[in-house]
N, C-alpha and C. Protein backbone atom coordinates (compact mmCIF):
# COMPACT_ATOMS: atom_id res chain seq x y z
N UNK A 1 22.06 13.24 -16.42
CA UNK A 1 21.09 12.18 -16.68
C UNK A 1 20.90 12.08 -18.19
N UNK A 2 20.86 10.89 -18.69
CA UNK A 2 20.68 10.67 -20.12
C UNK A 2 19.31 11.12 -20.55
N UNK A 3 19.19 11.57 -21.79
CA UNK A 3 17.90 12.00 -22.31
C UNK A 3 17.14 10.75 -22.75
N UNK A 4 16.21 10.33 -21.93
CA UNK A 4 15.43 9.13 -22.22
C UNK A 4 14.04 9.46 -22.78
N UNK A 5 13.85 10.73 -23.11
CA UNK A 5 12.58 11.13 -23.66
C UNK A 5 11.49 11.31 -22.62
N UNK A 6 11.88 11.51 -21.36
CA UNK A 6 10.88 11.74 -20.32
C UNK A 6 11.34 12.91 -19.46
N UNK A 7 10.37 13.57 -18.87
CA UNK A 7 10.69 14.74 -18.06
C UNK A 7 11.28 14.32 -16.73
N UNK A 8 11.79 15.29 -16.00
CA UNK A 8 12.34 15.01 -14.68
C UNK A 8 11.26 14.55 -13.73
N UNK A 9 10.04 15.03 -13.94
CA UNK A 9 8.93 14.61 -13.08
C UNK A 9 8.70 13.11 -13.21
N UNK A 10 8.73 12.62 -14.43
CA UNK A 10 8.56 11.19 -14.63
C UNK A 10 9.78 10.41 -14.16
N UNK A 11 10.94 10.97 -14.32
CA UNK A 11 12.16 10.29 -13.87
C UNK A 11 12.15 10.16 -12.36
N UNK A 12 11.63 11.16 -11.65
CA UNK A 12 11.57 11.08 -10.20
C UNK A 12 10.66 9.96 -9.73
N UNK A 13 9.68 9.61 -10.54
CA UNK A 13 8.77 8.53 -10.18
C UNK A 13 9.51 7.19 -10.08
N UNK A 14 10.58 7.04 -10.83
CA UNK A 14 11.31 5.78 -10.88
C UNK A 14 12.56 5.79 -10.01
N UNK A 15 12.61 6.68 -9.01
CA UNK A 15 13.79 6.74 -8.15
C UNK A 15 13.91 5.46 -7.32
N UNK A 16 15.08 5.24 -6.78
CA UNK A 16 15.32 4.03 -6.01
C UNK A 16 14.59 4.10 -4.67
N UNK A 17 14.38 2.95 -4.06
CA UNK A 17 13.66 2.87 -2.79
C UNK A 17 14.44 3.59 -1.68
N UNK A 18 15.75 3.61 -1.76
CA UNK A 18 16.56 4.24 -0.73
C UNK A 18 16.35 5.74 -0.65
N UNK A 19 16.02 6.37 -1.77
CA UNK A 19 15.90 7.82 -1.78
C UNK A 19 14.48 8.29 -1.44
N UNK A 20 13.59 7.39 -1.12
CA UNK A 20 12.23 7.79 -0.77
C UNK A 20 12.20 8.45 0.60
N UNK A 21 11.22 9.31 0.78
CA UNK A 21 11.07 9.99 2.06
C UNK A 21 10.55 9.01 3.10
N UNK A 22 10.88 9.22 4.36
CA UNK A 22 10.33 8.36 5.41
C UNK A 22 8.81 8.50 5.47
N UNK A 23 8.15 7.45 5.90
CA UNK A 23 6.69 7.43 5.94
C UNK A 23 6.18 8.47 6.93
N UNK A 24 5.15 9.17 6.53
CA UNK A 24 4.53 10.15 7.42
C UNK A 24 3.52 9.44 8.31
N UNK A 25 3.07 10.14 9.32
CA UNK A 25 2.08 9.57 10.24
C UNK A 25 0.80 9.22 9.49
N UNK A 26 0.42 10.10 8.56
CA UNK A 26 -0.80 9.85 7.79
C UNK A 26 -0.68 8.58 6.95
N UNK A 27 0.47 8.37 6.30
CA UNK A 27 0.63 7.18 5.48
C UNK A 27 0.68 5.92 6.34
N UNK A 28 1.25 6.04 7.54
CA UNK A 28 1.26 4.88 8.45
C UNK A 28 -0.14 4.53 8.89
N UNK A 29 -0.94 5.55 9.22
CA UNK A 29 -2.33 5.30 9.62
C UNK A 29 -3.13 4.71 8.47
N UNK A 30 -2.89 5.21 7.27
CA UNK A 30 -3.58 4.68 6.08
C UNK A 30 -3.23 3.21 5.86
N UNK A 31 -1.96 2.88 5.98
CA UNK A 31 -1.53 1.49 5.80
C UNK A 31 -2.11 0.59 6.90
N UNK A 32 -2.15 1.08 8.13
CA UNK A 32 -2.72 0.30 9.24
C UNK A 32 -4.22 0.08 9.04
N UNK A 33 -4.92 1.12 8.58
CA UNK A 33 -6.36 0.98 8.33
C UNK A 33 -6.62 -0.02 7.21
N UNK A 34 -5.82 0.03 6.15
CA UNK A 34 -5.98 -0.92 5.06
C UNK A 34 -5.70 -2.35 5.53
N UNK A 35 -4.68 -2.52 6.34
CA UNK A 35 -4.36 -3.85 6.85
C UNK A 35 -5.48 -4.38 7.73
N UNK A 36 -6.06 -3.51 8.57
CA UNK A 36 -7.16 -3.91 9.43
C UNK A 36 -8.38 -4.33 8.61
N UNK A 37 -8.66 -3.59 7.54
CA UNK A 37 -9.80 -3.94 6.68
C UNK A 37 -9.59 -5.29 5.98
N UNK A 38 -8.38 -5.53 5.53
CA UNK A 38 -8.08 -6.81 4.86
C UNK A 38 -8.23 -7.97 5.85
N UNK A 39 -7.71 -7.79 7.06
CA UNK A 39 -7.82 -8.84 8.09
C UNK A 39 -9.28 -9.07 8.45
N UNK A 40 -10.06 -7.99 8.59
CA UNK A 40 -11.47 -8.13 8.93
C UNK A 40 -12.23 -8.85 7.81
N UNK A 41 -11.95 -8.51 6.58
CA UNK A 41 -12.62 -9.17 5.46
C UNK A 41 -12.26 -10.66 5.40
N UNK A 42 -10.98 -10.97 5.61
CA UNK A 42 -10.56 -12.37 5.59
C UNK A 42 -11.23 -13.15 6.72
N UNK A 43 -11.28 -12.56 7.90
CA UNK A 43 -11.91 -13.22 9.05
C UNK A 43 -13.39 -13.45 8.80
N UNK A 44 -14.07 -12.46 8.22
CA UNK A 44 -15.48 -12.59 7.91
C UNK A 44 -15.72 -13.71 6.91
N UNK A 45 -14.92 -13.75 5.86
CA UNK A 45 -15.09 -14.81 4.85
C UNK A 45 -14.76 -16.19 5.43
N UNK A 46 -13.74 -16.27 6.26
CA UNK A 46 -13.41 -17.55 6.89
C UNK A 46 -14.54 -18.01 7.79
N UNK A 47 -15.18 -17.08 8.51
CA UNK A 47 -16.31 -17.44 9.37
C UNK A 47 -17.49 -17.91 8.53
N UNK A 48 -17.71 -17.29 7.39
CA UNK A 48 -18.80 -17.72 6.49
C UNK A 48 -18.53 -19.13 5.97
N UNK A 49 -17.32 -19.38 5.55
CA UNK A 49 -16.97 -20.69 4.98
C UNK A 49 -17.05 -21.78 6.04
N UNK A 50 -16.62 -21.47 7.25
CA UNK A 50 -16.62 -22.48 8.32
C UNK A 50 -18.01 -22.65 8.97
N UNK A 51 -18.96 -21.83 8.59
CA UNK A 51 -20.30 -21.98 9.12
C UNK A 51 -20.53 -21.31 10.46
N UNK A 52 -19.61 -20.48 10.91
CA UNK A 52 -19.78 -19.77 12.16
C UNK A 52 -20.89 -18.74 12.00
N UNK A 53 -20.95 -18.11 10.84
CA UNK A 53 -22.00 -17.15 10.51
C UNK A 53 -22.89 -17.79 9.46
N UNK A 54 -24.20 -17.77 9.70
CA UNK A 54 -25.09 -18.38 8.70
C UNK A 54 -25.92 -17.36 7.98
């Protein structure tokens, strides 16, 4: 590896997407929880704008 003035730890941060580890159960649950919160927030705001909730 060329000396780019950064440590191997930093170089590992920029690895390609193919070399990443498969998602763990915890990361999948975290992503699902975040997606659910975003959907819930969007639904709540849409209901406020449409006048369903006053």
